[in-house]
Structure formats: C-alpha cells, structure tokens
Amino acid sequence: MSPISIGVLAVSMSVDAFIASLGKGAATTRPSFRTALKTGAIFGVVEMITPLIGWAAGVAASQYVQAVDHWIAFALLAAVGAHMLLQALTRKPEELRASSLWTTVVTAVGTSLDAMAVGVSLAFLDVNIMVIAVAIGAATMVMSSTGILAGRYLGQRFGRVAEALGGVALFGLGALILFEHLTA
C-alpha cells in the first residue's frame, strides 16, 4: 500500500471520531487542551487497536465481524447520542458537565468498529498492518483532539443547541452506518 493510500485510509477512518469529538467538545464545559489530548489519545488508541483485531481475526472471523459490526456501532453511537440529546434537553444551563472516561471509551469503540472491518479486509492483502494501524491511530488522535477543541467553541457560543446537535449527529452517524450495511 502506498503512503498516499495509507493516509487516505487513516483520514477516512478518523472522520467519524472527529464528528463524535465535536459533539463531546460542545457538550463539555470548557474542555482544556489536556482534556482534548486525553480524549484524542483514547480515540486514537482504540482506533489503532481495532484494525489489528480485525486483521488478526482474518478470514475465519470476517463473516461474523462483518455480519454484526453495523449493529454494534449503531447501538453504541445511538445510545451515546440519545444520552447527549437527553442531557441537552433536561439539564439546567448552569450545570457543569464533564465527559466520563466510560462515555469516551464507549464512543471511541462505537466509532472504530468500521476500522475493525477494514482490518479484516486488510488480512487478504500483503500490507504492513502495524504501519497502517499506527497511521489510523495517529490521524484519529489529531482529528479527535481538534474536534474537542473546535466543539469547545461551539459549546461556548451555542451551548445546549450544539450539545443536542452533537447527540443527533452521533445517532445519525450510527443510523448511517446501519443503513449503509443493510442496503449494500
């Protein structure tokens, strides 16, 4: 695989994590640069591990992973998105909220299941899976950290509306993943 192909793959695997991070940044009261890096690192590590798991599963497990990955991604993203939307609609404006580690990890797993499926498909090619996994993880870390910081400014300006839109976007992302797999 050429460096350009690896770069395109890494960025495309990171877009959904960027969208999720925008919502998380908007939902969290004034996330710091440290928080953005921590969140980016969690997303990046999870996104790096999942193609390795998919690749290791290879041919034997491909039918099982591909058969359910869209349902798992939908359930996780829809649950986190619905929770964000509910929080935006029910919490008082003065309530401060920080994203829990558990919520961050669940969101990261939900956005990285497509990378696991990519890892399965890469098992059929003569590629250096470690280089690809590290590229995906690094791109995801940068894009997620950037998403948190960009979401911070959205949250300051638009508050609950941005949080609600972030929740709807996560739910919609899960629904899109499900739709694409069911109609393919």
N, C-alpha and C. Protein backbone atom coordinates (compact mmCIF):
# COMPACT_ATOMS: atom_id res chain seq x y z
N MET A 1 0.85 -1.17 0.00
CA MET A 1 0.00 0.00 0.00
C MET A 1 0.90 1.24 0.00
N SER A 2 0.57 2.21 -0.83
CA SER A 2 1.38 3.42 -0.93
C SER A 2 1.13 4.33 0.27
N PRO A 3 2.07 5.22 0.58
CA PRO A 3 1.87 6.16 1.68
C PRO A 3 0.61 7.02 1.49
N ILE A 4 0.32 7.38 0.26
CA ILE A 4 -0.89 8.17 0.00
C ILE A 4 -2.13 7.35 0.32
N SER A 5 -2.15 6.09 -0.09
CA SER A 5 -3.29 5.22 0.21
C SER A 5 -3.46 5.05 1.72
N ILE A 6 -2.35 4.88 2.41
CA ILE A 6 -2.42 4.73 3.87
C ILE A 6 -2.96 6.01 4.50
N GLY A 7 -2.50 7.17 4.02
CA GLY A 7 -3.00 8.44 4.53
C GLY A 7 -4.49 8.63 4.30
N VAL A 8 -4.94 8.31 3.11
CA VAL A 8 -6.37 8.43 2.80
C VAL A 8 -7.19 7.49 3.69
N LEU A 9 -6.71 6.27 3.84
CA LEU A 9 -7.39 5.30 4.71
C LEU A 9 -7.43 5.81 6.15
N ALA A 10 -6.31 6.33 6.64
CA ALA A 10 -6.24 6.82 8.02
C ALA A 10 -7.22 7.96 8.25
N VAL A 11 -7.25 8.91 7.34
CA VAL A 11 -8.17 10.05 7.50
C VAL A 11 -9.62 9.59 7.39
N SER A 12 -9.91 8.72 6.45
CA SER A 12 -11.30 8.28 6.29
C SER A 12 -11.78 7.49 7.51
N MET A 13 -10.89 6.74 8.15
CA MET A 13 -11.26 6.01 9.36
C MET A 13 -11.43 6.95 10.55
N SER A 14 -10.91 8.18 10.46
CA SER A 14 -10.92 9.13 11.57
C SER A 14 -12.08 10.11 11.53
N VAL A 15 -12.78 10.21 10.43
CA VAL A 15 -13.82 11.23 10.28
C VAL A 15 -14.94 11.06 11.30
N ASP A 16 -15.39 9.83 11.52
CA ASP A 16 -16.48 9.64 12.47
C ASP A 16 -16.04 9.97 13.90
N ALA A 17 -14.78 9.71 14.24
CA ALA A 17 -14.26 10.09 15.55
C ALA A 17 -14.20 11.61 15.68
N PHE A 18 -13.87 12.31 14.60
CA PHE A 18 -13.86 13.77 14.60
C PHE A 18 -15.26 14.31 14.88
N ILE A 19 -16.26 13.75 14.21
CA ILE A 19 -17.65 14.19 14.41
C ILE A 19 -18.08 13.94 15.86
N ALA A 20 -17.76 12.76 16.38
CA ALA A 20 -18.11 12.46 17.77
C ALA A 20 -17.41 13.41 18.73
N SER A 21 -16.17 13.75 18.44
CA SER A 21 -15.41 14.65 19.31
C SER A 21 -15.95 16.07 19.27
N LEU A 22 -16.43 16.50 18.12
CA LEU A 22 -17.08 17.82 18.05
C LEU A 22 -18.24 17.88 19.04
N GLY A 23 -19.07 16.84 19.01
CA GLY A 23 -20.21 16.79 19.93
C GLY A 23 -19.77 16.74 21.38
N LYS A 24 -18.75 15.95 21.68
CA LYS A 24 -18.25 15.85 23.05
C LYS A 24 -17.68 17.18 23.52
N GLY A 25 -16.95 17.86 22.64
CA GLY A 25 -16.39 19.15 23.00
C GLY A 25 -17.47 20.19 23.26
N ALA A 26 -18.53 20.14 22.48
CA ALA A 26 -19.64 21.07 22.67
C ALA A 26 -20.41 20.77 23.94
N ALA A 27 -20.46 19.49 24.32
CA ALA A 27 -21.23 19.08 25.49
C ALA A 27 -20.47 19.27 26.80
N THR A 28 -19.17 19.43 26.74
CA THR A 28 -18.35 19.55 27.93
C THR A 28 -18.05 21.02 28.18
N THR A 29 -18.22 21.43 29.42
CA THR A 29 -17.98 22.83 29.75
C THR A 29 -16.50 23.13 29.71
N ARG A 30 -16.10 23.93 28.76
CA ARG A 30 -14.74 24.44 28.58
C ARG A 30 -13.68 23.34 28.70
N PRO A 31 -13.68 22.37 27.79
CA PRO A 31 -12.65 21.34 27.85
C PRO A 31 -11.27 21.96 27.61
N SER A 32 -10.30 21.53 28.39
CA SER A 32 -8.94 22.06 28.29
C SER A 32 -8.19 21.36 27.16
N PHE A 33 -7.02 21.91 26.85
CA PHE A 33 -6.16 21.30 25.86
C PHE A 33 -5.75 19.90 26.32
N ARG A 34 -5.50 19.76 27.62
CA ARG A 34 -5.15 18.46 28.20
C ARG A 34 -6.29 17.46 28.00
N THR A 35 -7.51 17.90 28.24
CA THR A 35 -8.68 17.03 28.04
C THR A 35 -8.79 16.62 26.58
N ALA A 36 -8.55 17.57 25.69
CA ALA A 36 -8.61 17.27 24.25
C ALA A 36 -7.57 16.23 23.88
N LEU A 37 -6.35 16.37 24.41
CA LEU A 37 -5.30 15.40 24.12
C LEU A 37 -5.63 14.03 24.72
N LYS A 38 -6.17 14.02 25.92
CA LYS A 38 -6.54 12.76 26.57
C LYS A 38 -7.63 12.05 25.78
N THR A 39 -8.64 12.80 25.37
CA THR A 39 -9.72 12.22 24.57
C THR A 39 -9.18 11.75 23.23
N GLY A 40 -8.34 12.56 22.61
CA GLY A 40 -7.73 12.16 21.34
C GLY A 40 -6.92 10.90 21.48
N ALA A 41 -6.18 10.79 22.59
CA ALA A 41 -5.37 9.59 22.82
C ALA A 41 -6.25 8.35 22.99
N ILE A 42 -7.35 8.49 23.70
CA ILE A 42 -8.26 7.34 23.87
C ILE A 42 -8.83 6.93 22.53
N PHE A 43 -9.34 7.89 21.77
CA PHE A 43 -9.88 7.58 20.45
C PHE A 43 -8.80 6.98 19.55
N GLY A 44 -7.60 7.56 19.58
CA GLY A 44 -6.51 7.09 18.73
C GLY A 44 -6.08 5.67 19.06
N VAL A 45 -5.94 5.36 20.35
CA VAL A 45 -5.52 4.01 20.75
C VAL A 45 -6.59 2.99 20.36
N VAL A 46 -7.85 3.31 20.63
CA VAL A 46 -8.92 2.38 20.27
C VAL A 46 -8.96 2.19 18.75
N GLU A 47 -8.84 3.29 18.03
CA GLU A 47 -8.88 3.21 16.56
C GLU A 47 -7.66 2.49 16.01
N MET A 48 -6.55 2.50 16.71
CA MET A 48 -5.35 1.78 16.29
C MET A 48 -5.50 0.28 16.58
N ILE A 49 -6.11 -0.06 17.69
CA ILE A 49 -6.24 -1.46 18.09
C ILE A 49 -7.26 -2.21 17.24
N THR A 50 -8.35 -1.57 16.87
CA THR A 50 -9.42 -2.30 16.18
C THR A 50 -9.02 -2.88 14.82
N PRO A 51 -8.24 -2.18 13.98
CA PRO A 51 -7.84 -2.85 12.74
C PRO A 51 -6.90 -4.03 13.00
N LEU A 52 -6.12 -3.94 14.08
CA LEU A 52 -5.25 -5.06 14.44
C LEU A 52 -6.08 -6.28 14.85
N ILE A 53 -7.14 -6.02 15.60
CA ILE A 53 -8.04 -7.11 16.00
C ILE A 53 -8.70 -7.70 14.75
N GLY A 54 -9.19 -6.83 13.88
CA GLY A 54 -9.82 -7.30 12.65
C GLY A 54 -8.86 -8.08 11.78
N TRP A 55 -7.64 -7.57 11.64
CA TRP A 55 -6.64 -8.26 10.84
C TRP A 55 -6.33 -9.63 11.42
N ALA A 56 -6.18 -9.68 12.76
CA ALA A 56 -5.87 -10.95 13.41
C ALA A 56 -7.02 -11.95 13.24
N ALA A 57 -8.21 -11.46 13.24
CA ALA A 57 -9.36 -12.35 13.05
C ALA A 57 -9.36 -12.93 11.65
N GLY A 58 -8.93 -12.10 10.68
CA GLY A 58 -8.74 -12.56 9.31
C GLY A 58 -9.94 -13.23 8.68
N VAL A 59 -9.64 -14.18 7.88
CA VAL A 59 -10.64 -14.88 7.09
C VAL A 59 -11.65 -15.62 7.97
N ALA A 60 -11.17 -16.27 9.02
CA ALA A 60 -12.04 -17.11 9.85
C ALA A 60 -13.20 -16.34 10.47
N ALA A 61 -12.92 -15.12 10.94
CA ALA A 61 -13.97 -14.38 11.64
C ALA A 61 -14.62 -13.30 10.79
N SER A 62 -14.18 -13.11 9.56
CA SER A 62 -14.68 -11.98 8.78
C SER A 62 -16.19 -12.00 8.62
N GLN A 63 -16.75 -13.15 8.40
CA GLN A 63 -18.20 -13.19 8.21
C GLN A 63 -18.95 -12.80 9.48
N TYR A 64 -18.38 -13.12 10.65
CA TYR A 64 -19.05 -12.77 11.90
C TYR A 64 -18.89 -11.30 12.23
N VAL A 65 -17.70 -10.76 12.04
CA VAL A 65 -17.48 -9.34 12.31
C VAL A 65 -18.31 -8.48 11.37
N GLN A 66 -18.26 -8.80 10.09
CA GLN A 66 -19.00 -8.01 9.11
C GLN A 66 -20.50 -8.18 9.27
N ALA A 67 -20.91 -9.31 9.83
CA ALA A 67 -22.34 -9.55 9.99
C ALA A 67 -22.96 -8.71 11.10
N VAL A 68 -22.17 -8.31 12.10
CA VAL A 68 -22.76 -7.60 13.24
C VAL A 68 -22.13 -6.24 13.54
N ASP A 69 -21.05 -5.86 12.87
CA ASP A 69 -20.37 -4.63 13.24
C ASP A 69 -21.27 -3.41 13.12
N HIS A 70 -22.12 -3.38 12.12
CA HIS A 70 -23.00 -2.22 11.93
C HIS A 70 -24.06 -2.13 13.03
N TRP A 71 -24.52 -3.26 13.53
CA TRP A 71 -25.50 -3.24 14.62
C TRP A 71 -24.85 -2.77 15.92
N ILE A 72 -23.64 -3.23 16.18
CA ILE A 72 -22.93 -2.81 17.39
C ILE A 72 -22.62 -1.32 17.31
N ALA A 73 -22.11 -0.87 16.17
CA ALA A 73 -21.81 0.56 16.01
C ALA A 73 -23.07 1.40 16.18
N PHE A 74 -24.17 0.97 15.58
CA PHE A 74 -25.42 1.70 15.71
C PHE A 74 -25.87 1.77 17.16
N ALA A 75 -25.85 0.63 17.86
CA ALA A 75 -26.30 0.61 19.25
C ALA A 75 -25.46 1.53 20.13
N LEU A 76 -24.14 1.46 20.00
CA LEU A 76 -23.27 2.29 20.83
C LEU A 76 -23.43 3.77 20.51
N LEU A 77 -23.37 4.11 19.23
CA LEU A 77 -23.49 5.52 18.84
C LEU A 77 -24.88 6.08 19.13
N ALA A 78 -25.91 5.29 18.89
CA ALA A 78 -27.27 5.75 19.16
C ALA A 78 -27.48 5.97 20.65
N ALA A 79 -26.94 5.07 21.48
CA ALA A 79 -27.10 5.22 22.94
C ALA A 79 -26.38 6.47 23.43
N VAL A 80 -25.14 6.67 23.00
CA VAL A 80 -24.40 7.85 23.44
C VAL A 80 -25.07 9.12 22.89
N GLY A 81 -25.49 9.09 21.63
CA GLY A 81 -26.16 10.24 21.03
C GLY A 81 -27.47 10.58 21.73
N ALA A 82 -28.27 9.55 22.02
CA ALA A 82 -29.54 9.77 22.72
C ALA A 82 -29.29 10.33 24.12
N HIS A 83 -28.25 9.84 24.78
CA HIS A 83 -27.90 10.35 26.10
C HIS A 83 -27.50 11.83 26.03
N MET A 84 -26.69 12.18 25.03
CA MET A 84 -26.29 13.58 24.87
C MET A 84 -27.50 14.47 24.61
N LEU A 85 -28.40 13.99 23.76
CA LEU A 85 -29.60 14.76 23.44
C LEU A 85 -30.47 14.94 24.69
N LEU A 86 -30.65 13.87 25.44
CA LEU A 86 -31.43 13.94 26.68
C LEU A 86 -30.80 14.92 27.66
N GLN A 87 -29.48 14.87 27.81
CA GLN A 87 -28.78 15.79 28.70
C GLN A 87 -28.99 17.23 28.25
N ALA A 88 -28.92 17.47 26.96
CA ALA A 88 -29.08 18.83 26.45
C ALA A 88 -30.49 19.36 26.72
N LEU A 89 -31.46 18.47 26.66
CA LEU A 89 -32.84 18.90 26.84
C LEU A 89 -33.25 19.01 28.30
N THR A 90 -32.57 18.28 29.20
CA THR A 90 -33.04 18.22 30.58
C THR A 90 -32.17 18.93 31.60
N ARG A 91 -30.90 19.14 31.33
CA ARG A 91 -30.06 19.76 32.36
C ARG A 91 -30.25 21.26 32.37
N LYS A 92 -29.99 21.83 33.53
CA LYS A 92 -30.08 23.28 33.68
C LYS A 92 -28.85 23.92 33.05
N PRO A 93 -28.99 25.09 32.46
CA PRO A 93 -27.86 25.74 31.78
C PRO A 93 -26.64 25.94 32.66
N GLU A 94 -26.83 26.16 33.96
CA GLU A 94 -25.68 26.42 34.82
C GLU A 94 -24.97 25.16 35.29
N GLU A 95 -25.53 23.99 35.01
CA GLU A 95 -24.88 22.75 35.41
C GLU A 95 -23.65 22.50 34.56
N LEU A 96 -22.54 22.25 35.23
CA LEU A 96 -21.31 21.91 34.53
C LEU A 96 -21.31 20.41 34.31
N ARG A 97 -20.71 20.00 33.22
CA ARG A 97 -20.69 18.58 32.92
C ARG A 97 -19.36 18.22 32.30
N ALA A 98 -18.77 17.17 32.79
CA ALA A 98 -17.55 16.64 32.20
C ALA A 98 -17.86 15.25 31.66
N SER A 99 -17.26 14.91 30.57
CA SER A 99 -17.46 13.61 29.96
C SER A 99 -16.72 12.56 30.77
N SER A 100 -17.41 11.46 31.08
CA SER A 100 -16.77 10.40 31.84
C SER A 100 -15.84 9.57 30.95
N LEU A 101 -14.91 8.90 31.58
CA LEU A 101 -14.00 8.02 30.86
C LEU A 101 -14.79 6.93 30.15
N TRP A 102 -15.79 6.38 30.82
CA TRP A 102 -16.61 5.31 30.24
C TRP A 102 -17.30 5.79 28.97
N THR A 103 -17.90 6.97 29.01
CA THR A 103 -18.59 7.51 27.84
C THR A 103 -17.60 7.71 26.69
N THR A 104 -16.41 8.19 27.01
CA THR A 104 -15.39 8.40 25.98
C THR A 104 -14.98 7.08 25.34
N VAL A 105 -14.75 6.06 26.16
CA VAL A 105 -14.33 4.76 25.63
C VAL A 105 -15.45 4.14 24.79
N VAL A 106 -16.69 4.20 25.27
CA VAL A 106 -17.82 3.63 24.51
C VAL A 106 -17.96 4.34 23.17
N THR A 107 -17.84 5.66 23.18
CA THR A 107 -17.93 6.41 21.93
C THR A 107 -16.78 6.03 20.99
N ALA A 108 -15.58 5.90 21.54
CA ALA A 108 -14.42 5.52 20.73
C ALA A 108 -14.62 4.14 20.11
N VAL A 109 -15.12 3.20 20.88
CA VAL A 109 -15.38 1.86 20.34
C VAL A 109 -16.44 1.92 19.25
N GLY A 110 -17.49 2.68 19.50
CA GLY A 110 -18.56 2.80 18.50
C GLY A 110 -18.10 3.37 17.19
N THR A 111 -17.18 4.33 17.26
CA THR A 111 -16.70 4.95 16.02
C THR A 111 -15.58 4.17 15.36
N SER A 112 -15.05 3.14 16.04
CA SER A 112 -13.90 2.43 15.47
C SER A 112 -14.23 1.05 14.92
N LEU A 113 -15.46 0.63 15.01
CA LEU A 113 -15.80 -0.71 14.52
C LEU A 113 -15.60 -0.84 13.01
N ASP A 114 -15.76 0.24 12.29
CA ASP A 114 -15.50 0.18 10.85
C ASP A 114 -14.02 -0.10 10.59
N ALA A 115 -13.14 0.39 11.46
CA ALA A 115 -11.71 0.10 11.30
C ALA A 115 -11.42 -1.38 11.53
N MET A 116 -12.21 -2.02 12.38
CA MET A 116 -12.04 -3.46 12.58
C MET A 116 -12.38 -4.21 11.30
N ALA A 117 -13.47 -3.80 10.67
CA ALA A 117 -13.86 -4.43 9.41
C ALA A 117 -12.80 -4.19 8.33
N VAL A 118 -12.21 -2.99 8.32
CA VAL A 118 -11.12 -2.71 7.38
C VAL A 118 -9.94 -3.62 7.68
N GLY A 119 -9.65 -3.83 8.96
CA GLY A 119 -8.57 -4.72 9.34
C GLY A 119 -8.79 -6.13 8.82
N VAL A 120 -10.03 -6.59 8.87
CA VAL A 120 -10.35 -7.92 8.33
C VAL A 120 -10.04 -7.96 6.84
N SER A 121 -10.45 -6.93 6.13
CA SER A 121 -10.20 -6.92 4.69
C SER A 121 -8.71 -6.81 4.37
N LEU A 122 -7.94 -6.12 5.23
CA LEU A 122 -6.50 -6.00 5.00
C LEU A 122 -5.77 -7.32 5.20
N ALA A 123 -6.41 -8.27 5.90
CA ALA A 123 -5.79 -9.58 6.10
C ALA A 123 -5.62 -10.31 4.77
N PHE A 124 -6.38 -9.91 3.76
CA PHE A 124 -6.29 -10.56 2.45
C PHE A 124 -5.24 -9.91 1.55
N LEU A 125 -4.62 -8.82 2.01
CA LEU A 125 -3.64 -8.09 1.21
C LEU A 125 -2.26 -8.23 1.83
N ASP A 126 -1.25 -8.01 1.03
CA ASP A 126 0.12 -8.03 1.51
C ASP A 126 0.48 -6.63 1.98
N VAL A 127 0.13 -6.32 3.24
CA VAL A 127 0.36 -4.98 3.79
C VAL A 127 1.04 -5.09 5.15
N ASN A 128 1.67 -4.01 5.56
CA ASN A 128 2.23 -3.93 6.91
C ASN A 128 1.14 -3.36 7.81
N ILE A 129 0.43 -4.24 8.50
CA ILE A 129 -0.71 -3.83 9.31
C ILE A 129 -0.32 -2.88 10.44
N MET A 130 0.89 -3.03 10.96
CA MET A 130 1.33 -2.14 12.05
C MET A 130 1.45 -0.69 11.57
N VAL A 131 2.02 -0.49 10.39
CA VAL A 131 2.15 0.86 9.84
C VAL A 131 0.76 1.47 9.63
N ILE A 132 -0.13 0.68 9.08
CA ILE A 132 -1.49 1.16 8.81
C ILE A 132 -2.21 1.47 10.12
N ALA A 133 -2.11 0.59 11.10
CA ALA A 133 -2.78 0.80 12.38
C ALA A 133 -2.25 2.05 13.09
N VAL A 134 -0.95 2.24 13.07
CA VAL A 134 -0.36 3.43 13.70
C VAL A 134 -0.82 4.69 12.97
N ALA A 135 -0.87 4.64 11.65
CA ALA A 135 -1.34 5.81 10.87
C ALA A 135 -2.79 6.13 11.21
N ILE A 136 -3.63 5.12 11.30
CA ILE A 136 -5.04 5.33 11.64
C ILE A 136 -5.15 5.91 13.06
N GLY A 137 -4.39 5.35 14.00
CA GLY A 137 -4.42 5.84 15.37
C GLY A 137 -3.95 7.28 15.49
N ALA A 138 -2.87 7.61 14.79
CA ALA A 138 -2.33 8.98 14.84
C ALA A 138 -3.30 9.99 14.22
N ALA A 139 -3.86 9.63 13.07
CA ALA A 139 -4.83 10.53 12.43
C ALA A 139 -6.05 10.73 13.32
N THR A 140 -6.49 9.66 13.94
CA THR A 140 -7.66 9.75 14.82
C THR A 140 -7.36 10.61 16.04
N MET A 141 -6.17 10.46 16.60
CA MET A 141 -5.81 11.28 17.76
C MET A 141 -5.83 12.76 17.41
N VAL A 142 -5.21 13.10 16.30
CA VAL A 142 -5.17 14.51 15.88
C VAL A 142 -6.58 15.03 15.59
N MET A 143 -7.35 14.25 14.85
CA MET A 143 -8.69 14.73 14.48
C MET A 143 -9.63 14.79 15.69
N SER A 144 -9.52 13.85 16.61
CA SER A 144 -10.37 13.87 17.80
C SER A 144 -10.02 15.02 18.73
N SER A 145 -8.72 15.24 18.92
CA SER A 145 -8.29 16.37 19.76
C SER A 145 -8.76 17.69 19.16
N THR A 146 -8.62 17.81 17.84
CA THR A 146 -9.08 19.01 17.15
C THR A 146 -10.60 19.15 17.28
N GLY A 147 -11.31 18.05 17.17
CA GLY A 147 -12.77 18.08 17.31
C GLY A 147 -13.21 18.54 18.69
N ILE A 148 -12.53 18.07 19.73
CA ILE A 148 -12.86 18.52 21.10
C ILE A 148 -12.68 20.02 21.22
N LEU A 149 -11.55 20.52 20.74
CA LEU A 149 -11.27 21.96 20.86
C LEU A 149 -12.22 22.79 20.00
N ALA A 150 -12.53 22.32 18.81
CA ALA A 150 -13.50 23.05 17.97
C ALA A 150 -14.88 23.00 18.61
N GLY A 151 -15.24 21.86 19.17
CA GLY A 151 -16.52 21.73 19.85
C GLY A 151 -16.62 22.64 21.06
N ARG A 152 -15.49 22.89 21.70
CA ARG A 152 -15.45 23.79 22.85
C ARG A 152 -16.01 25.17 22.46
N TYR A 153 -15.56 25.67 21.33
CA TYR A 153 -16.02 26.99 20.89
C TYR A 153 -17.48 26.96 20.45
N LEU A 154 -17.88 25.87 19.86
CA LEU A 154 -19.30 25.72 19.51
C LEU A 154 -20.14 25.71 20.78
N GLY A 155 -19.67 24.98 21.80
CA GLY A 155 -20.40 24.87 23.05
C GLY A 155 -20.51 26.20 23.76
N GLN A 156 -19.43 27.01 23.73
CA GLN A 156 -19.46 28.31 24.38
C GLN A 156 -20.46 29.24 23.69
N ARG A 157 -20.55 29.13 22.39
CA ARG A 157 -21.41 30.04 21.64
C ARG A 157 -22.85 29.55 21.55
N PHE A 158 -23.01 28.23 21.45
CA PHE A 158 -24.34 27.72 21.18
C PHE A 158 -24.88 26.77 22.25
N GLY A 159 -24.06 26.47 23.28
CA GLY A 159 -24.49 25.73 24.44
C GLY A 159 -25.28 24.47 24.16
N ARG A 160 -26.50 24.45 24.67
CA ARG A 160 -27.36 23.27 24.56
C ARG A 160 -27.65 22.87 23.12
N VAL A 161 -27.81 23.85 22.26
CA VAL A 161 -28.10 23.55 20.86
C VAL A 161 -26.97 22.72 20.26
N ALA A 162 -25.72 23.12 20.52
CA ALA A 162 -24.58 22.37 20.00
C ALA A 162 -24.52 20.97 20.59
N GLU A 163 -24.81 20.84 21.88
CA GLU A 163 -24.82 19.52 22.51
C GLU A 163 -25.91 18.65 21.90
N ALA A 164 -27.08 19.22 21.72
CA ALA A 164 -28.18 18.46 21.12
C ALA A 164 -27.83 18.05 19.69
N LEU A 165 -27.25 18.97 18.93
CA LEU A 165 -26.85 18.63 17.56
C LEU A 165 -25.77 17.56 17.55
N GLY A 166 -24.86 17.61 18.51
CA GLY A 166 -23.83 16.57 18.63
C GLY A 166 -24.46 15.22 18.90
N GLY A 167 -25.45 15.18 19.78
CA GLY A 167 -26.17 13.94 20.06
C GLY A 167 -26.90 13.42 18.84
N VAL A 168 -27.57 14.33 18.14
CA VAL A 168 -28.28 13.94 16.92
C VAL A 168 -27.28 13.45 15.87
N ALA A 169 -26.12 14.11 15.77
CA ALA A 169 -25.10 13.69 14.80
C ALA A 169 -24.58 12.29 15.11
N LEU A 170 -24.34 12.00 16.39
CA LEU A 170 -23.88 10.65 16.76
C LEU A 170 -24.94 9.61 16.44
N PHE A 171 -26.17 9.91 16.80
CA PHE A 171 -27.26 8.99 16.49
C PHE A 171 -27.38 8.80 14.98
N GLY A 172 -27.30 9.91 14.26
CA GLY A 172 -27.37 9.85 12.79
C GLY A 172 -26.21 9.08 12.19
N LEU A 173 -25.02 9.24 12.75
CA LEU A 173 -23.86 8.50 12.27
C LEU A 173 -24.08 7.00 12.46
N GLY A 174 -24.59 6.62 13.62
CA GLY A 174 -24.90 5.21 13.86
C GLY A 174 -25.95 4.70 12.89
N ALA A 175 -26.99 5.50 12.65
CA ALA A 175 -28.04 5.12 11.71
C ALA A 175 -27.50 5.01 10.29
N LEU A 176 -26.60 5.91 9.92
CA LEU A 176 -26.00 5.87 8.58
C LEU A 176 -25.17 4.61 8.40
N ILE A 177 -24.37 4.27 9.40
CA ILE A 177 -23.58 3.03 9.34
C ILE A 177 -24.52 1.83 9.16
N LEU A 178 -25.58 1.78 9.95
CA LEU A 178 -26.55 0.69 9.84
C LEU A 178 -27.20 0.66 8.47
N PHE A 179 -27.65 1.81 7.98
CA PHE A 179 -28.30 1.91 6.68
C PHE A 179 -27.38 1.44 5.56
N GLU A 180 -26.12 1.92 5.58
CA GLU A 180 -25.17 1.54 4.53
C GLU A 180 -24.93 0.03 4.49
N HIS A 181 -24.86 -0.59 5.65
CA HIS A 181 -24.61 -2.02 5.69
C HIS A 181 -25.85 -2.83 5.30
N LEU A 182 -27.02 -2.33 5.67
CA LEU A 182 -28.24 -3.07 5.35
C LEU A 182 -28.65 -2.92 3.89
N THR A 183 -28.22 -1.84 3.24
CA THR A 183 -28.59 -1.63 1.84
C THR A 183 -27.50 -2.02 0.86
N ALA A 184 -26.34 -2.41 1.38
CA ALA A 184 -25.22 -2.77 0.50
C ALA A 184 -25.40 -4.16 -0.07
